[in-house]
Amino acid sequence: MKTRIQLILSFLPLAVLLAVAYLWPVFSNVRASFHDDGGTFVGLQNYSDVLTSYYFTDSLLFSLKVSVLSTVISMVLAIILALALRETFVGKKLAVFICQYNLSIPRMAAAMIMLFLISQTGWLSSIAHWLGLTDSAAQFPFLAYDSRGIGLMIVFIWKFAPYICMSVLGILQGASLEFEHQAATLGIGKVKRFFHIILPNIIPATAVASILVFAASFGDYEVPAILGSAQSRPLSVMVYLKYLDPHLRNRPEAFVIMVLMTCVLMAVIITYWLLVTRRERGRR
């Protein structure tokens, strides 16, 4: 009993810090979403205004599209890259270093790099013109400021695929290859070995990393602000615009959007937790 009390007391400062740093802002945001710009309680009126607005559905679908596609593509590329980095080859250390170094690049810097790289006046456009593939910059594919969000997804994939790769690679390097060797000896092909041996081992790490990637891309502001289109704006940008709107009566909508974005992320986390719990119960 004494040991348990000491353990609780040791974690108490951290719990208080987390409550102040995370729970209080969330509480303040939720509270503000039920009041108008003058502080008068209006109930669900702000939520009704946002949910019936002309922009919310389009922004939500655009945010989900970019986040889901970026996460799925990053996950697939990360698994392929991790399987390749598990093998021994010339330049492996350099390849691992590049993946690790990519993690330290801020998303704003990554967006600026891609802007200089993929825009119609960027490096790739200049190279394509020098090679004679295009006659002018206007013929280069419109990737930056694209309403389809291609530029955003390129940045997120380039930034987050190495992150998932490092998580998967750690599992692959720590896992025993005995079962794979036995399966290969029995004549089982690489595809079956992947789905029946490798994939079950990397699913937990891949799922957790993918959820973090989805949350980061869903709530990211820097990349859409630099590479985004005025025709298709994600919810993160709409929060910024609503909060800085000269008409202060629109500011509560920013708090509502932040609450709804938090609900989406919480739904993803809870769904993952339920799936993991059901899987553990099935094993028992």
Protein backbone atom coordinates (compact mmCIF):
# COMPACT_ATOMS: atom_id res chain seq x y z
CA MET A 1 0.00 0.00 0.00
CA LYS A 2 2.83 2.37 0.90
CA THR A 3 4.61 1.62 -2.36
CA ARG A 4 1.45 2.35 -4.33
CA ILE A 5 1.00 5.70 -2.58
CA GLN A 6 4.61 6.62 -3.29
CA LEU A 7 4.12 5.69 -6.95
CA ILE A 8 1.01 7.87 -7.19
CA LEU A 9 2.79 10.79 -5.53
CA SER A 10 5.74 10.45 -7.90
CA PHE A 11 3.43 10.78 -10.92
CA LEU A 12 1.31 13.55 -9.38
CA PRO A 13 3.46 16.50 -10.61
CA LEU A 14 3.40 15.12 -14.15
CA ALA A 15 -0.36 14.58 -13.97
CA VAL A 16 -0.89 18.17 -12.80
CA LEU A 17 1.36 19.48 -15.59
CA LEU A 18 -0.54 17.50 -18.22
CA ALA A 19 -3.86 18.68 -16.83
CA VAL A 20 -2.77 22.31 -17.00
CA ALA A 21 -1.08 22.02 -20.41
CA TYR A 22 -3.76 19.92 -22.17
CA LEU A 23 -7.01 19.56 -20.29
CA TRP A 24 -7.44 23.22 -19.37
CA PRO A 25 -7.06 24.49 -22.98
CA VAL A 26 -9.51 21.82 -24.13
CA PHE A 27 -12.00 22.84 -21.45
CA SER A 28 -11.59 26.52 -22.33
CA ASN A 29 -12.08 25.80 -26.02
CA VAL A 30 -15.23 23.73 -25.42
CA ARG A 31 -16.61 26.41 -23.13
CA ALA A 32 -15.96 29.16 -25.70
CA SER A 33 -17.75 27.16 -28.40
CA PHE A 34 -21.05 27.55 -26.48
CA HIS A 35 -20.78 31.35 -26.17
CA ASP A 36 -20.92 34.20 -28.65
CA ASP A 37 -18.19 36.79 -29.14
CA GLY A 38 -19.57 38.81 -26.23
CA GLY A 39 -19.45 35.90 -23.79
CA THR A 40 -23.21 35.24 -23.80
CA PHE A 41 -24.24 31.59 -23.61
CA VAL A 42 -25.96 30.57 -26.86
CA GLY A 43 -26.08 26.79 -26.47
CA LEU A 44 -25.74 24.82 -29.69
CA GLN A 45 -26.33 27.80 -31.96
CA ASN A 46 -22.66 28.06 -32.92
CA TYR A 47 -22.57 24.36 -33.77
CA SER A 48 -25.69 24.73 -35.90
CA ASP A 49 -24.14 27.67 -37.75
CA VAL A 50 -20.98 25.70 -38.52
CA LEU A 51 -22.65 22.41 -39.46
CA THR A 52 -25.05 24.18 -41.84
CA SER A 53 -22.45 26.53 -43.30
CA TYR A 54 -21.37 26.50 -46.92
CA TYR A 55 -17.75 25.64 -46.15
CA PHE A 56 -17.72 23.06 -43.35
CA THR A 57 -18.66 19.90 -45.28
CA ASP A 58 -16.25 20.65 -48.12
CA SER A 59 -13.42 21.48 -45.71
CA LEU A 60 -14.06 18.36 -43.63
CA LEU A 61 -14.12 16.05 -46.66
CA PHE A 62 -11.00 17.71 -48.07
CA SER A 63 -9.16 17.33 -44.75
CA LEU A 64 -10.18 13.68 -44.44
CA LYS A 65 -9.21 12.94 -48.05
CA VAL A 66 -5.75 14.44 -47.71
CA SER A 67 -5.13 12.88 -44.29
CA VAL A 68 -6.39 9.39 -45.15
CA LEU A 69 -4.60 9.18 -48.50
CA SER A 70 -1.38 10.57 -47.03
CA THR A 71 -1.52 8.08 -44.17
CA VAL A 72 -2.31 5.05 -46.33
CA ILE A 73 0.31 5.83 -48.97
CA SER A 74 2.91 6.65 -46.29
CA MET A 75 2.14 3.37 -44.54
CA VAL A 76 2.52 1.29 -47.72
CA LEU A 77 5.75 3.01 -48.75
CA ALA A 78 7.10 2.76 -45.19
CA ILE A 79 6.55 -1.01 -45.06
CA ILE A 80 8.25 -1.48 -48.43
CA LEU A 81 11.15 0.74 -47.37
CA ALA A 82 11.48 -1.01 -44.00
CA LEU A 83 11.60 -4.42 -45.68
CA ALA A 84 14.33 -3.13 -47.99
CA LEU A 85 16.34 -1.56 -45.15
CA ARG A 86 16.19 -4.80 -43.21
CA GLU A 87 18.42 -6.42 -45.80
CA THR A 88 22.18 -5.92 -45.98
CA PHE A 89 23.40 -3.85 -48.95
CA VAL A 90 25.94 -1.21 -49.87
CA GLY A 91 24.81 2.20 -48.63
CA LYS A 92 22.39 0.88 -46.02
CA LYS A 93 23.76 3.13 -43.27
CA LEU A 94 23.39 6.16 -45.52
CA ALA A 95 19.80 5.22 -46.37
CA VAL A 96 18.90 4.81 -42.69
CA PHE A 97 20.60 8.13 -41.89
CA ILE A 98 18.57 9.92 -44.56
CA CYS A 99 15.33 8.50 -43.13
CA GLN A 100 16.32 9.52 -39.61
CA TYR A 101 17.45 12.97 -40.72
CA ASN A 102 14.14 13.54 -42.50
CA LEU A 103 12.37 13.27 -39.13
CA SER A 104 14.15 16.37 -37.84
CA ILE A 105 12.96 18.64 -40.67
CA PRO A 106 10.07 20.90 -39.55
CA ARG A 107 6.91 20.64 -41.61
CA MET A 108 7.10 24.31 -42.56
CA ALA A 109 10.62 23.79 -43.93
CA ALA A 110 9.41 20.66 -45.75
CA ALA A 111 6.60 22.67 -47.34
CA MET A 112 9.03 25.37 -48.49
CA ILE A 113 11.38 22.74 -49.93
CA MET A 114 8.53 21.18 -51.88
CA LEU A 115 7.33 24.59 -53.04
CA PHE A 116 10.73 25.24 -54.64
CA LEU A 117 10.75 21.69 -56.00
CA ILE A 118 7.29 20.98 -57.45
CA SER A 119 5.87 24.41 -58.33
CA GLN A 120 5.56 25.39 -61.98
CA THR A 121 8.58 27.66 -61.57
CA GLY A 122 10.47 25.20 -59.38
CA TRP A 123 13.48 22.97 -59.91
CA LEU A 124 11.60 20.03 -61.46
CA SER A 125 9.88 22.35 -63.91
CA SER A 126 13.24 23.85 -64.89
CA ILE A 127 14.77 20.40 -65.34
CA ALA A 128 11.81 19.25 -67.44
CA HIS A 129 12.18 22.34 -69.66
CA TRP A 130 15.95 21.82 -69.93
CA LEU A 131 15.39 18.22 -71.02
CA GLY A 132 12.87 19.33 -73.60
CA LEU A 133 9.92 17.63 -71.92
CA THR A 134 8.00 20.91 -71.65
CA ASP A 135 8.00 24.05 -73.77
CA SER A 136 7.14 26.37 -70.89
CA ALA A 137 6.55 26.39 -67.15
CA ALA A 138 2.78 26.38 -67.75
CA GLN A 139 3.02 22.85 -69.20
CA PHE A 140 4.44 21.43 -65.98
CA PRO A 141 1.80 19.64 -63.84
CA PHE A 142 0.01 21.97 -61.45
CA LEU A 143 1.04 20.47 -58.08
CA ALA A 144 1.53 23.46 -55.78
CA TYR A 145 -1.63 25.41 -54.83
CA ASP A 146 -3.63 22.55 -56.30
CA SER A 147 -7.28 22.29 -55.25
CA ARG A 148 -6.99 18.48 -55.23
CA GLY A 149 -4.41 18.62 -52.46
CA ILE A 150 -1.71 16.74 -54.37
CA GLY A 151 1.04 19.06 -53.16
CA LEU A 152 -0.10 18.67 -49.57
CA MET A 153 -0.08 14.88 -49.84
CA ILE A 154 3.40 14.90 -51.40
CA VAL A 155 4.76 16.84 -48.42
CA PHE A 156 3.00 14.68 -45.85
CA ILE A 157 4.13 11.44 -47.52
CA TRP A 158 7.71 12.67 -47.85
CA LYS A 159 7.69 13.78 -44.21
CA PHE A 160 5.83 10.91 -42.54
CA ALA A 161 6.74 7.79 -44.52
CA PRO A 162 10.25 7.68 -42.95
CA TYR A 163 8.66 8.04 -39.50
CA ILE A 164 6.49 4.96 -39.98
CA CYS A 165 9.43 3.20 -41.63
CA MET A 166 11.63 3.67 -38.56
CA SER A 167 8.86 2.27 -36.33
CA VAL A 168 8.39 -0.78 -38.56
CA LEU A 169 12.14 -1.29 -39.04
CA GLY A 170 12.65 -1.46 -35.30
CA ILE A 171 10.12 -4.29 -35.08
CA LEU A 172 11.58 -6.15 -38.06
CA GLN A 173 15.13 -5.95 -36.75
CA GLY A 174 14.08 -7.09 -33.30
CA ALA A 175 11.84 -9.93 -34.49
CA SER A 176 13.22 -13.44 -34.97
CA LEU A 177 13.62 -14.63 -38.55
CA GLU A 178 13.26 -18.27 -37.52
CA PHE A 179 9.63 -18.57 -38.62
CA GLU A 180 10.39 -16.96 -41.98
CA HIS A 181 13.28 -19.35 -42.60
CA GLN A 182 11.11 -22.33 -41.66
CA ALA A 183 8.33 -21.16 -43.96
CA ALA A 184 10.81 -20.66 -46.79
CA THR A 185 12.17 -24.17 -46.20
CA LEU A 186 8.63 -25.54 -46.54
CA GLY A 187 8.29 -23.83 -49.91
CA ILE A 188 5.99 -20.99 -48.83
CA GLY A 189 6.35 -18.00 -51.14
CA LYS A 190 7.35 -14.47 -50.16
CA VAL A 191 3.82 -13.11 -50.48
CA LYS A 192 2.34 -15.68 -48.08
CA ARG A 193 5.25 -15.23 -45.68
CA PHE A 194 4.59 -11.50 -45.66
CA PHE A 195 0.86 -11.75 -44.94
CA HIS A 196 1.04 -14.63 -42.45
CA ILE A 197 4.32 -13.94 -40.61
CA ILE A 198 5.66 -10.42 -41.15
CA LEU A 199 2.43 -8.42 -41.29
CA PRO A 200 0.97 -9.69 -37.98
CA ASN A 201 4.19 -8.65 -36.22
CA ILE A 202 4.30 -5.12 -37.61
CA ILE A 203 0.56 -4.30 -37.45
CA PRO A 204 0.62 -2.83 -33.89
CA ALA A 205 3.58 -0.51 -34.53
CA THR A 206 2.26 0.44 -37.96
CA ALA A 207 -1.21 1.20 -36.62
CA VAL A 208 0.04 3.43 -33.81
CA ALA A 209 2.41 5.31 -36.12
CA SER A 210 -0.34 5.70 -38.74
CA ILE A 211 -2.74 7.18 -36.18
CA LEU A 212 -0.10 9.74 -35.21
CA VAL A 213 0.48 10.53 -38.88
CA PHE A 214 -3.26 10.94 -39.50
CA ALA A 215 -3.58 13.26 -36.51
CA ALA A 216 -0.57 15.32 -37.59
CA SER A 217 -1.75 15.72 -41.18
CA PHE A 218 -5.39 16.31 -40.19
CA GLY A 219 -4.49 19.14 -37.83
CA ASP A 220 -1.52 20.59 -39.70
CA TYR A 221 -1.71 24.28 -40.61
CA GLU A 222 1.75 25.15 -41.94
CA VAL A 223 1.72 22.96 -45.05
CA PRO A 224 -1.79 23.99 -46.28
CA ALA A 225 -0.97 27.63 -45.55
CA ILE A 226 2.09 27.44 -47.84
CA LEU A 227 0.99 24.99 -50.53
CA GLY A 228 -2.80 25.00 -50.19
CA SER A 229 -5.38 26.32 -52.61
CA ALA A 230 -7.90 29.08 -51.95
CA GLN A 231 -10.60 26.88 -53.50
CA SER A 232 -10.05 23.92 -51.15
CA ARG A 233 -9.14 24.74 -47.58
CA PRO A 234 -8.76 22.18 -44.79
CA LEU A 235 -10.35 22.71 -41.41
CA SER A 236 -7.07 23.80 -39.85
CA VAL A 237 -6.90 26.79 -42.19
CA MET A 238 -10.58 27.58 -41.64
CA VAL A 239 -9.92 27.74 -37.89
CA TYR A 240 -7.21 30.33 -38.47
CA LEU A 241 -9.34 32.40 -40.84
CA LYS A 242 -12.39 32.35 -38.59
CA TYR A 243 -10.38 33.26 -35.51
CA LEU A 244 -8.76 36.27 -37.23
CA ASP A 245 -11.94 37.34 -38.99
CA PRO A 246 -12.49 41.10 -38.49
CA HIS A 247 -16.12 40.28 -37.73
CA LEU A 248 -15.72 39.02 -34.17
CA ARG A 249 -19.10 37.35 -34.29
CA ASN A 250 -17.47 34.66 -36.48
CA ARG A 251 -14.76 33.88 -33.92
CA PRO A 252 -16.88 31.31 -31.97
CA GLU A 253 -17.01 29.24 -35.17
CA ALA A 254 -13.26 28.75 -34.85
CA PHE A 255 -13.74 27.18 -31.41
CA VAL A 256 -16.52 24.96 -32.76
CA ILE A 257 -14.33 23.71 -35.60
CA MET A 258 -11.51 22.92 -33.16
CA VAL A 259 -13.93 20.94 -30.99
CA LEU A 260 -15.20 19.00 -34.01
CA MET A 261 -11.66 18.27 -35.19
CA THR A 262 -10.82 16.98 -31.72
CA CYS A 263 -13.92 14.75 -31.85
CA VAL A 264 -12.75 13.27 -35.18
CA LEU A 265 -9.33 12.46 -33.76
CA MET A 266 -10.82 11.02 -30.59
CA ALA A 267 -13.13 8.84 -32.70
CA VAL A 268 -10.12 7.44 -34.58
CA ILE A 269 -8.24 6.73 -31.34
CA ILE A 270 -11.25 5.10 -29.67
CA THR A 271 -11.91 2.96 -32.74
CA TYR A 272 -8.32 1.73 -32.70
CA TRP A 273 -8.52 1.02 -28.96
CA LEU A 274 -11.73 -0.99 -29.42
CA LEU A 275 -10.19 -3.02 -32.23
CA VAL A 276 -7.09 -3.76 -30.17
CA THR A 277 -9.20 -4.72 -27.16
CA ARG A 278 -11.36 -7.04 -29.24
CA ARG A 279 -8.27 -8.62 -30.76
CA GLU A 280 -6.74 -9.29 -27.35
CA ARG A 281 -9.99 -10.81 -26.12
CA GLY A 282 -10.09 -13.04 -29.21
CA ARG A 283 -6.62 -14.35 -28.40
CA ARG A 284 -7.70 -15.29 -24.90
